[in-house]
Every structure is written in C-alpha cells, then in structure tokens.
Amino acid sequence: MLVHPQFDPVALSLGPVQIHWYGLTYLAAFGLFLFLAGRRVQQPQYVHAGWTRRDVEDLLFWGVLDVVLGGRIGYALFYKPGQYLANPLEILMVWKGGMSFHGGLLGVIAAMALFARSRKRSFLQVTDLIAPCVPTGLASGRVGNFINGELWGRAADPSLPWAMVFPQSGTMFARHPSQIYQFLLEGLLLFALLWWYGRKARPTGQVSGAFLIGYGIFRYIAEYFREPDSFLGLLALNMSMGQWLCVPMVIAGAIMWTVAGRRGRA
C-alpha cells in the first residue's frame, strides 16, 4: 500500500509570512481561468459578440471574491452550521480548509449575474463563456486537498495498486485516494468534454447546462469513493451531502440544456 507523504501545508515561509500550498492551488486556478477564458473569447462566436480580453480580466476580478466567499459560506451553511454560528469569525480562516464547491458555484452565479447586468449581456452567454474554464480550477483545488491530506476516500482493498493510507484519518488501513479521482473526473475529464463541446457555437445556455450535468454526474460518482463527513455521515437513501447537492444540479442542467436546444431550433 502507498502512504500519503504528509506534505508540509506551508509551501514557503518569508519571515512571518507563510504561503500555503492551498493558496498556491487557488492562484493556479485563477491563472488557468485567465488563460483559458482568453482563448475562449478568440473563438468566432465570442469575437462576433464583441468579447475582449479586458472582459475576461473583469470576469476574473468579479469571480475571485465571490468564489472564495461563496465556497466558504456554503461550507459553513451546508456542512457545519452549528460550529460556524457559534464561532462566526472562523468563516474567515480560509487557510484552515473547508470549502464547498456548491457554495462557490452559487457565489460565481451571483458574480456573473452582476457582471452580465453591468455589461447589458445575457447571463447565460456569460456562463456559457466561463463553463469550460472552470474544471481546471476544480482540478487545482483537488490537488490542494491531496497535499493537505484531507477529504480522503473510503476503505479500499489493500491489493488495489493505488490504495493509500492517510495517517491524518486516524487509521492505518487502505483508502481510495478520492481527491485524485475527483481531480481526474470533475477536473481533467470534464474540462476535455466541455472544451470540445464548447468549441462550436451552441444555443445560449447549452454549454452551461452541460457543465451542470457533467459536474453533477462525475461528483456523484466520486462520492461513492469519498469518505462522508464524519459529522454528517450518510443521509437519506445512503447518499452523502455531496450527492444530494448534485441531484438538483443535474436536474437544472438537463432542463437548461433541453430548453436551450428547443429555443435554438425555433
């Protein structure tokens, strides 16, 4: 069996200033978004719609704050409402980990709605632009989870070649490295599919719908290998909180994709 190397969470110390690996993965996520969205606005459908590199930079500015706030607040509300209501200042301690993708998604939705309104653009046109650029950011976040040795997987057969012991879990039995599964599924694979699908002009809203469907399905699958949060466990129907939050995502995505297709044909 492999053993998690238990990295030092601090990547670099400059006197009293400590730079954490988790922060560097967020920086990588934002850099990848800037690069990929810059490529997206060069595609004919966005050139014709008047999108520019400056729009991408403004989108990043709007999105960075809201994804961090939304992710942190979502984690507090969805996963540990009692703890954070009792200690609200801990919500600001993002370096301790604890981010919810679903909360971050709500934060990004709010940011994109404000951006679209300020530029007098369609909200779904904005989300169609950024949807294929999001999975690489998710992949970066999963790398941070692995380095921190958090969000480990469920028990695995010790004979599995990549089964791994996570001493941080308080046990020494083999587990699935679910962070890597999520890196591959909702990160790299979802990026490849959406980038391919979004290369051509699609009815407004279809790329966004495809993102919700794809992420919801891949995250739902990955949750079968990820250890449920100890303070929640499995909920109704033996589904984790992450799986329950994915259900409305897939439904909403399917509705968006279908409605957008019908409007496109009309």
C-alpha atoms as a PDB file:
ATOM      1  CA  MET A   1       0.000   0.000   0.000  1.00  0.00           C
ATOM      2  CA  LEU A   2       1.013   3.580  -0.578  1.00  0.00           C
ATOM      3  CA  VAL A   3       1.227   6.009   2.326  1.00  0.00           C
ATOM      4  CA  HIS A   4       0.279   9.640   1.989  1.00  0.00           C
ATOM      5  CA  PRO A   5       3.543  11.638   2.194  1.00  0.00           C
ATOM      6  CA  GLN A   6       2.031  14.191   4.604  1.00  0.00           C
ATOM      7  CA  PHE A   7       3.306  17.339   2.956  1.00  0.00           C
ATOM      8  CA  ASP A   8       4.020  20.426   4.988  1.00  0.00           C
ATOM      9  CA  PRO A   9       0.954  22.618   4.289  1.00  0.00           C
ATOM     10  CA  VAL A  10       3.265  25.642   4.166  1.00  0.00           C
ATOM     11  CA  ALA A  11       4.961  25.793   0.770  1.00  0.00           C
ATOM     12  CA  LEU A  12       7.171  28.791   1.518  1.00  0.00           C
ATOM     13  CA  SER A  13       7.957  30.971   4.521  1.00  0.00           C
ATOM     14  CA  LEU A  14       9.152  34.544   4.043  1.00  0.00           C
ATOM     15  CA  GLY A  15       9.820  35.764   7.554  1.00  0.00           C
ATOM     16  CA  PRO A  16       6.459  35.992   9.316  1.00  0.00           C
ATOM     17  CA  VAL A  17       4.597  35.437   6.047  1.00  0.00           C
ATOM     18  CA  GLN A  18       3.632  31.856   5.229  1.00  0.00           C
ATOM     19  CA  ILE A  19       2.477  30.805   1.779  1.00  0.00           C
ATOM     20  CA  HIS A  20       0.324  27.693   1.894  1.00  0.00           C
ATOM     21  CA  TRP A  21       0.037  25.097  -0.839  1.00  0.00           C
ATOM     22  CA  TYR A  22      -3.730  25.554  -0.695  1.00  0.00           C
ATOM     23  CA  GLY A  23      -3.326  29.220  -1.571  1.00  0.00           C
ATOM     24  CA  LEU A  24      -0.991  28.360  -4.449  1.00  0.00           C
ATOM     25  CA  THR A  25      -3.549  25.962  -5.908  1.00  0.00           C
ATOM     26  CA  TYR A  26      -6.121  28.768  -5.854  1.00  0.00           C
ATOM     27  CA  LEU A  27      -3.596  31.022  -7.598  1.00  0.00           C
ATOM     28  CA  ALA A  28      -3.056  28.324 -10.229  1.00  0.00           C
ATOM     29  CA  ALA A  29      -6.825  28.016 -10.689  1.00  0.00           C
ATOM     30  CA  PHE A  30      -7.222  31.740 -11.330  1.00  0.00           C
ATOM     31  CA  GLY A  31      -4.235  31.771 -13.697  1.00  0.00           C
ATOM     32  CA  LEU A  32      -5.655  28.865 -15.705  1.00  0.00           C
ATOM     33  CA  PHE A  33      -9.017  30.617 -15.913  1.00  0.00           C
ATOM     34  CA  LEU A  34      -7.374  33.770 -17.247  1.00  0.00           C
ATOM     35  CA  PHE A  35      -5.509  31.787 -19.904  1.00  0.00           C
ATOM     36  CA  LEU A  36      -8.415  29.573 -20.990  1.00  0.00           C
ATOM     37  CA  ALA A  37     -11.073  32.287 -20.983  1.00  0.00           C
ATOM     38  CA  GLY A  38      -8.667  34.425 -23.010  1.00  0.00           C
ATOM     39  CA  ARG A  39      -8.610  31.634 -25.589  1.00  0.00           C
ATOM     40  CA  ARG A  40     -12.400  31.331 -25.473  1.00  0.00           C
ATOM     41  CA  VAL A  41     -13.024  34.965 -26.388  1.00  0.00           C
ATOM     42  CA  GLN A  42     -10.923  34.437 -29.521  1.00  0.00           C
ATOM     43  CA  GLN A  43     -13.435  31.912 -30.835  1.00  0.00           C
ATOM     44  CA  PRO A  44     -15.621  33.283 -33.657  1.00  0.00           C
ATOM     45  CA  GLN A  45     -18.916  33.263 -31.739  1.00  0.00           C
ATOM     46  CA  TYR A  46     -17.435  35.442 -28.995  1.00  0.00           C
ATOM     47  CA  VAL A  47     -15.469  37.704 -31.334  1.00  0.00           C
ATOM     48  CA  HIS A  48     -18.696  38.435 -33.184  1.00  0.00           C
ATOM     49  CA  ALA A  49     -20.434  39.149 -29.872  1.00  0.00           C
ATOM     50  CA  GLY A  50     -17.804  41.763 -29.013  1.00  0.00           C
ATOM     51  CA  TRP A  51     -15.991  39.961 -26.177  1.00  0.00           C
ATOM     52  CA  THR A  52     -12.447  41.130 -25.390  1.00  0.00           C
ATOM     53  CA  ARG A  53      -9.507  40.190 -23.168  1.00  0.00           C
ATOM     54  CA  ARG A  54     -10.484  43.053 -20.854  1.00  0.00           C
ATOM     55  CA  ASP A  55     -13.849  41.366 -20.276  1.00  0.00           C
ATOM     56  CA  VAL A  56     -12.029  38.217 -19.162  1.00  0.00           C
ATOM     57  CA  GLU A  57      -9.908  40.169 -16.693  1.00  0.00           C
ATOM     58  CA  ASP A  58     -13.005  41.838 -15.270  1.00  0.00           C
ATOM     59  CA  LEU A  59     -14.766  38.479 -15.023  1.00  0.00           C
ATOM     60  CA  LEU A  60     -11.847  37.109 -13.021  1.00  0.00           C
ATOM     61  CA  PHE A  61     -11.956  40.081 -10.667  1.00  0.00           C
ATOM     62  CA  TRP A  62     -15.703  39.636 -10.118  1.00  0.00           C
ATOM     63  CA  GLY A  63     -15.383  35.884  -9.713  1.00  0.00           C
ATOM     64  CA  VAL A  64     -12.394  35.571  -7.373  1.00  0.00           C
ATOM     65  CA  LEU A  65     -14.007  37.265  -4.403  1.00  0.00           C
ATOM     66  CA  ASP A  66     -17.367  35.559  -4.848  1.00  0.00           C
ATOM     67  CA  VAL A  67     -15.996  32.048  -5.344  1.00  0.00           C
ATOM     68  CA  VAL A  68     -13.995  32.294  -2.107  1.00  0.00           C
ATOM     69  CA  LEU A  69     -16.848  33.878  -0.155  1.00  0.00           C
ATOM     70  CA  GLY A  70     -19.456  31.551  -1.621  1.00  0.00           C
ATOM     71  CA  GLY A  71     -17.313  28.454  -1.110  1.00  0.00           C
ATOM     72  CA  ARG A  72     -16.558  29.302   2.495  1.00  0.00           C
ATOM     73  CA  ILE A  73     -20.070  30.422   3.429  1.00  0.00           C
ATOM     74  CA  GLY A  74     -21.544  27.417   1.607  1.00  0.00           C
ATOM     75  CA  TYR A  75     -19.301  25.079   3.605  1.00  0.00           C
ATOM     76  CA  ALA A  76     -20.408  26.732   6.831  1.00  0.00           C
ATOM     77  CA  LEU A  77     -24.112  26.532   5.949  1.00  0.00           C
ATOM     78  CA  PHE A  78     -24.231  23.119   4.259  1.00  0.00           C
ATOM     79  CA  TYR A  79     -21.766  21.163   6.387  1.00  0.00           C
ATOM     80  CA  LYS A  80     -21.084  22.784   9.796  1.00  0.00           C
ATOM     81  CA  PRO A  81     -23.761  25.385  10.525  1.00  0.00           C
ATOM     82  CA  GLY A  82     -23.639  24.838  14.301  1.00  0.00           C
ATOM     83  CA  GLN A  83     -19.871  25.259  14.595  1.00  0.00           C
ATOM     84  CA  TYR A  84     -19.673  28.412  12.491  1.00  0.00           C
ATOM     85  CA  LEU A  85     -22.739  30.023  14.026  1.00  0.00           C
ATOM     86  CA  ALA A  86     -21.053  29.590  17.399  1.00  0.00           C
ATOM     87  CA  ASN A  87     -17.703  30.888  16.055  1.00  0.00           C
ATOM     88  CA  PRO A  88     -18.532  33.127  13.066  1.00  0.00           C
ATOM     89  CA  LEU A  89     -15.004  34.555  12.817  1.00  0.00           C
ATOM     90  CA  GLU A  90     -13.733  31.096  11.839  1.00  0.00           C
ATOM     91  CA  ILE A  91     -15.503  31.547   8.496  1.00  0.00           C
ATOM     92  CA  LEU A  92     -12.721  33.989   7.589  1.00  0.00           C
ATOM     93  CA  MET A  93      -9.961  31.428   8.307  1.00  0.00           C
ATOM     94  CA  VAL A  94      -9.874  30.004   4.782  1.00  0.00           C
ATOM     95  CA  TRP A  95      -6.301  28.743   5.242  1.00  0.00           C
ATOM     96  CA  LYS A  96      -7.655  26.047   7.552  1.00  0.00           C
ATOM     97  CA  GLY A  97      -9.530  24.485   4.639  1.00  0.00           C
ATOM     98  CA  GLY A  98     -13.217  23.818   4.315  1.00  0.00           C
ATOM     99  CA  MET A  99     -14.675  24.996   1.017  1.00  0.00           C
ATOM    100  CA  SER A 100     -17.884  23.881  -0.640  1.00  0.00           C
ATOM    101  CA  PHE A 101     -17.982  23.674  -4.419  1.00  0.00           C
ATOM    102  CA  HIS A 102     -21.739  24.091  -4.400  1.00  0.00           C
ATOM    103  CA  GLY A 103     -21.413  27.242  -2.293  1.00  0.00           C
ATOM    104  CA  GLY A 104     -18.659  28.516  -4.575  1.00  0.00           C
ATOM    105  CA  LEU A 105     -20.927  27.863  -7.552  1.00  0.00           C
ATOM    106  CA  LEU A 106     -23.663  29.996  -6.002  1.00  0.00           C
ATOM    107  CA  GLY A 107     -21.094  32.737  -5.389  1.00  0.00           C
ATOM    108  CA  VAL A 108     -19.955  32.610  -9.019  1.00  0.00           C
ATOM    109  CA  ILE A 109     -23.556  32.681 -10.231  1.00  0.00           C
ATOM    110  CA  ALA A 110     -24.146  35.850  -8.213  1.00  0.00           C
ATOM    111  CA  ALA A 111     -20.937  37.420  -9.562  1.00  0.00           C
ATOM    112  CA  MET A 112     -21.772  36.548 -13.169  1.00  0.00           C
ATOM    113  CA  ALA A 113     -25.309  37.892 -12.783  1.00  0.00           C
ATOM    114  CA  LEU A 114     -23.932  41.226 -11.569  1.00  0.00           C
ATOM    115  CA  PHE A 115     -21.344  41.268 -14.349  1.00  0.00           C
ATOM    116  CA  ALA A 116     -23.944  40.483 -17.018  1.00  0.00           C
ATOM    117  CA  ARG A 117     -26.208  43.223 -15.721  1.00  0.00           C
ATOM    118  CA  SER A 118     -23.387  45.784 -15.667  1.00  0.00           C
ATOM    119  CA  ARG A 119     -22.440  44.955 -19.283  1.00  0.00           C
ATOM    120  CA  LYS A 120     -26.019  44.518 -20.508  1.00  0.00           C
ATOM    121  CA  ARG A 121     -25.274  40.981 -21.646  1.00  0.00           C
ATOM    122  CA  SER A 122     -27.229  37.775 -21.336  1.00  0.00           C
ATOM    123  CA  PHE A 123     -26.474  35.955 -18.083  1.00  0.00           C
ATOM    124  CA  LEU A 124     -26.357  32.606 -19.887  1.00  0.00           C
ATOM    125  CA  GLN A 125     -23.986  33.986 -22.508  1.00  0.00           C
ATOM    126  CA  VAL A 126     -21.594  34.842 -19.672  1.00  0.00           C
ATOM    127  CA  THR A 127     -21.901  31.421 -18.033  1.00  0.00           C
ATOM    128  CA  ASP A 128     -21.507  29.663 -21.404  1.00  0.00           C
ATOM    129  CA  LEU A 129     -18.213  31.513 -21.844  1.00  0.00           C
ATOM    130  CA  ILE A 130     -16.750  30.536 -18.486  1.00  0.00           C
ATOM    131  CA  ALA A 131     -18.178  26.999 -18.066  1.00  0.00           C
ATOM    132  CA  PRO A 132     -15.366  25.144 -19.898  1.00  0.00           C
ATOM    133  CA  CYS A 133     -12.776  27.178 -17.962  1.00  0.00           C
ATOM    134  CA  VAL A 134     -13.990  26.102 -14.521  1.00  0.00           C
ATOM    135  CA  PRO A 135     -12.958  22.400 -14.335  1.00  0.00           C
ATOM    136  CA  THR A 136      -9.208  23.147 -14.372  1.00  0.00           C
ATOM    137  CA  GLY A 137      -9.774  25.308 -11.310  1.00  0.00           C
ATOM    138  CA  LEU A 138     -11.572  22.409  -9.658  1.00  0.00           C
ATOM    139  CA  ALA A 139      -8.653  20.149 -10.549  1.00  0.00           C
ATOM    140  CA  SER A 140      -6.264  22.603  -8.880  1.00  0.00           C
ATOM    141  CA  GLY A 141      -8.398  22.567  -5.746  1.00  0.00           C
ATOM    142  CA  ARG A 142      -8.292  18.758  -5.581  1.00  0.00           C
ATOM    143  CA  VAL A 143      -4.503  18.893  -5.774  1.00  0.00           C
ATOM    144  CA  GLY A 144      -4.647  21.165  -2.729  1.00  0.00           C
ATOM    145  CA  ASN A 145      -6.913  18.676  -0.949  1.00  0.00           C
ATOM    146  CA  PHE A 146      -4.447  15.865  -1.652  1.00  0.00           C
ATOM    147  CA  ILE A 147      -1.450  17.874  -0.458  1.00  0.00           C
ATOM    148  CA  ASN A 148      -3.310  18.728   2.745  1.00  0.00           C
ATOM    149  CA  GLY A 149      -4.271  15.078   3.198  1.00  0.00           C
ATOM    150  CA  GLU A 150      -7.943  15.998   3.589  1.00  0.00           C
ATOM    151  CA  LEU A 151     -11.168  14.645   2.096  1.00  0.00           C
ATOM    152  CA  TRP A 152      -9.676  11.151   1.943  1.00  0.00           C
ATOM    153  CA  GLY A 153     -11.550   8.203   0.483  1.00  0.00           C
ATOM    154  CA  ARG A 154     -13.455   5.273   1.875  1.00  0.00           C
ATOM    155  CA  ALA A 155     -11.828   1.963   2.791  1.00  0.00           C
ATOM    156  CA  ALA A 156     -10.295   0.159  -0.194  1.00  0.00           C
ATOM    157  CA  ASP A 157      -8.992  -3.329  -0.889  1.00  0.00           C
ATOM    158  CA  PRO A 158      -5.310  -3.277   0.209  1.00  0.00           C
ATOM    159  CA  SER A 159      -4.421  -5.129  -3.011  1.00  0.00           C
ATOM    160  CA  LEU A 160      -5.544  -2.129  -5.077  1.00  0.00           C
ATOM    161  CA  PRO A 161      -2.261  -0.778  -6.528  1.00  0.00           C
ATOM    162  CA  TRP A 162      -3.088   2.841  -5.729  1.00  0.00           C
ATOM    163  CA  ALA A 163      -4.765   2.243  -2.361  1.00  0.00           C
ATOM    164  CA  MET A 164      -3.318   4.697   0.148  1.00  0.00           C
ATOM    165  CA  VAL A 165      -3.040   5.065   3.906  1.00  0.00           C
ATOM    166  CA  PHE A 166      -3.934   8.536   5.172  1.00  0.00           C
ATOM    167  CA  PRO A 167      -2.486   8.832   8.708  1.00  0.00           C
ATOM    168  CA  GLN A 168      -4.454  12.087   9.095  1.00  0.00           C
ATOM    169  CA  SER A 169      -7.626   9.984   9.187  1.00  0.00           C
ATOM    170  CA  GLY A 170      -6.538   8.435  12.484  1.00  0.00           C
ATOM    171  CA  THR A 171      -6.464   4.952  10.941  1.00  0.00           C
ATOM    172  CA  MET A 172      -3.832   2.939   9.109  1.00  0.00           C
ATOM    173  CA  PHE A 173      -5.990   0.993   6.673  1.00  0.00           C
ATOM    174  CA  ALA A 174      -6.052   1.403   2.915  1.00  0.00           C
ATOM    175  CA  ARG A 175      -8.324   4.020   1.398  1.00  0.00           C
ATOM    176  CA  HIS A 176      -9.248   5.277  -2.038  1.00  0.00           C
ATOM    177  CA  PRO A 177      -7.334   8.481  -2.918  1.00  0.00           C
ATOM    178  CA  SER A 178     -10.643  10.120  -3.778  1.00  0.00           C
ATOM    179  CA  GLN A 179      -9.019  13.529  -4.247  1.00  0.00           C
ATOM    180  CA  ILE A 180      -7.211  12.071  -7.279  1.00  0.00           C
ATOM    181  CA  TYR A 181     -10.436  10.538  -8.582  1.00  0.00           C
ATOM    182  CA  GLN A 182     -12.102  13.928  -8.403  1.00  0.00           C
ATOM    183  CA  PHE A 183      -9.060  15.584  -9.995  1.00  0.00           C
ATOM    184  CA  LEU A 184      -9.411  13.214 -12.955  1.00  0.00           C
ATOM    185  CA  LEU A 185     -13.214  13.180 -13.240  1.00  0.00           C
ATOM    186  CA  GLU A 186     -14.577  16.617 -12.401  1.00  0.00           C
ATOM    187  CA  GLY A 187     -11.279  18.240 -13.320  1.00  0.00           C
ATOM    188  CA  LEU A 188      -9.491  16.894 -16.370  1.00  0.00           C
ATOM    189  CA  LEU A 189     -12.223  14.767 -17.967  1.00  0.00           C
ATOM    190  CA  LEU A 190     -14.936  17.386 -17.520  1.00  0.00           C
ATOM    191  CA  PHE A 191     -12.601  20.056 -18.913  1.00  0.00           C
ATOM    192  CA  ALA A 192     -11.824  17.974 -22.011  1.00  0.00           C
ATOM    193  CA  LEU A 193     -15.500  17.279 -22.698  1.00  0.00           C
ATOM    194  CA  LEU A 194     -16.669  20.865 -22.178  1.00  0.00           C
ATOM    195  CA  TRP A 195     -13.787  22.388 -24.126  1.00  0.00           C
ATOM    196  CA  TRP A 196     -14.599  20.112 -27.065  1.00  0.00           C
ATOM    197  CA  TYR A 197     -18.346  20.736 -26.780  1.00  0.00           C
ATOM    198  CA  GLY A 198     -17.969  24.495 -26.396  1.00  0.00           C
ATOM    199  CA  ARG A 199     -15.686  24.991 -29.414  1.00  0.00           C
ATOM    200  CA  LYS A 200     -18.666  25.367 -31.721  1.00  0.00           C
ATOM    201  CA  ALA A 201     -21.477  27.867 -31.358  1.00  0.00           C
ATOM    202  CA  ARG A 202     -24.285  26.322 -29.307  1.00  0.00           C
ATOM    203  CA  PRO A 203     -27.731  27.634 -28.382  1.00  0.00           C
ATOM    204  CA  THR A 204     -27.337  30.022 -25.462  1.00  0.00           C
ATOM    205  CA  GLY A 205     -27.450  28.080 -22.206  1.00  0.00           C
ATOM    206  CA  GLN A 206     -26.459  24.650 -23.539  1.00  0.00           C
ATOM    207  CA  VAL A 207     -22.801  24.798 -22.521  1.00  0.00           C
ATOM    208  CA  SER A 208     -23.840  25.936 -19.036  1.00  0.00           C
ATOM    209  CA  GLY A 209     -26.364  23.117 -18.844  1.00  0.00           C
ATOM    210  CA  ALA A 210     -23.739  20.603 -19.971  1.00  0.00           C
ATOM    211  CA  PHE A 211     -21.435  21.802 -17.193  1.00  0.00           C
ATOM    212  CA  LEU A 212     -24.090  21.284 -14.521  1.00  0.00           C
ATOM    213  CA  ILE A 213     -24.933  17.832 -15.856  1.00  0.00           C
ATOM    214  CA  GLY A 214     -21.309  16.758 -16.214  1.00  0.00           C
ATOM    215  CA  TYR A 215     -20.125  18.030 -12.859  1.00  0.00           C
ATOM    216  CA  GLY A 216     -23.176  16.666 -11.068  1.00  0.00           C
ATOM    217  CA  ILE A 217     -22.710  13.179 -12.529  1.00  0.00           C
ATOM    218  CA  PHE A 218     -18.947  13.000 -12.002  1.00  0.00           C
ATOM    219  CA  ARG A 219     -19.152  14.338  -8.447  1.00  0.00           C
ATOM    220  CA  TYR A 220     -21.999  11.941  -7.651  1.00  0.00           C
ATOM    221  CA  ILE A 221     -19.845   9.014  -8.816  1.00  0.00           C
ATOM    222  CA  ALA A 222     -16.759  10.221  -6.926  1.00  0.00           C
ATOM    223  CA  GLU A 223     -18.763  10.491  -3.702  1.00  0.00           C
ATOM    224  CA  TYR A 224     -19.097   6.685  -3.648  1.00  0.00           C
ATOM    225  CA  PHE A 225     -15.321   6.548  -3.060  1.00  0.00           C
ATOM    226  CA  ARG A 226     -15.011   9.581  -0.779  1.00  0.00           C
ATOM    227  CA  GLU A 227     -15.393   9.187   2.972  1.00  0.00           C
ATOM    228  CA  PRO A 228     -18.565  11.004   4.087  1.00  0.00           C
ATOM    229  CA  ASP A 229     -18.018  13.843   6.519  1.00  0.00           C
ATOM    230  CA  SER A 230     -17.852  12.313   9.991  1.00  0.00           C
ATOM    231  CA  PHE A 231     -20.190  14.926  11.434  1.00  0.00           C
ATOM    232  CA  LEU A 232     -22.839  14.142   8.801  1.00  0.00           C
ATOM    233  CA  GLY A 233     -22.317  10.562   7.673  1.00  0.00           C
ATOM    234  CA  LEU A 234     -24.654   9.197   5.047  1.00  0.00           C
ATOM    235  CA  LEU A 235     -28.060  10.807   4.795  1.00  0.00           C
ATOM    236  CA  ALA A 236     -31.345   9.521   3.373  1.00  0.00           C
ATOM    237  CA  LEU A 237     -31.062   6.710   0.795  1.00  0.00           C
ATOM    238  CA  ASN A 238     -27.440   6.190   1.923  1.00  0.00           C
ATOM    239  CA  MET A 239     -26.405   9.271  -0.046  1.00  0.00           C
ATOM    240  CA  SER A 240     -23.836  11.786   1.146  1.00  0.00           C
ATOM    241  CA  MET A 241     -24.451  15.512   1.377  1.00  0.00           C
ATOM    242  CA  GLY A 242     -22.336  15.989  -1.757  1.00  0.00           C
ATOM    243  CA  GLN A 243     -24.551  13.567  -3.684  1.00  0.00           C
ATOM    244  CA  TRP A 244     -27.749  15.233  -2.523  1.00  0.00           C
ATOM    245  CA  LEU A 245     -26.413  18.623  -3.604  1.00  0.00           C
ATOM    246  CA  CYS A 246     -25.596  17.185  -7.033  1.00  0.00           C
ATOM    247  CA  VAL A 247     -29.135  15.995  -7.708  1.00  0.00           C
ATOM    248  CA  PRO A 248     -30.655  19.480  -8.261  1.00  0.00           C
ATOM    249  CA  MET A 249     -27.569  20.410 -10.315  1.00  0.00           C
ATOM    250  CA  VAL A 250     -28.147  17.585 -12.792  1.00  0.00           C
ATOM    251  CA  ILE A 251     -31.881  18.297 -12.983  1.00  0.00           C
ATOM    252  CA  ALA A 252     -31.331  22.029 -13.526  1.00  0.00           C
ATOM    253  CA  GLY A 253     -28.646  21.315 -16.119  1.00  0.00           C
ATOM    254  CA  ALA A 254     -30.870  18.915 -18.037  1.00  0.00           C
ATOM    255  CA  ILE A 255     -33.702  21.453 -18.080  1.00  0.00           C
ATOM    256  CA  MET A 256     -31.365  24.242 -19.236  1.00  0.00           C
ATOM    257  CA  TRP A 257     -29.847  22.110 -21.980  1.00  0.00           C
ATOM    258  CA  THR A 258     -33.230  20.947 -23.272  1.00  0.00           C
ATOM    259  CA  VAL A 259     -34.879  24.385 -23.207  1.00  0.00           C
ATOM    260  CA  ALA A 260     -31.851  25.979 -24.876  1.00  0.00           C
ATOM    261  CA  GLY A 261     -31.950  23.349 -27.631  1.00  0.00           C
ATOM    262  CA  ARG A 262     -35.634  23.952 -28.312  1.00  0.00           C
ATOM    263  CA  ARG A 263     -35.095  27.708 -28.480  1.00  0.00           C
ATOM    264  CA  GLY A 264     -32.162  27.174 -30.808  1.00  0.00           C
ATOM    265  CA  ARG A 265     -34.264  25.082 -33.192  1.00  0.00           C
ATOM    266  CA  ALA A 266     -37.029  27.662 -33.066  1.00  0.00           C
END
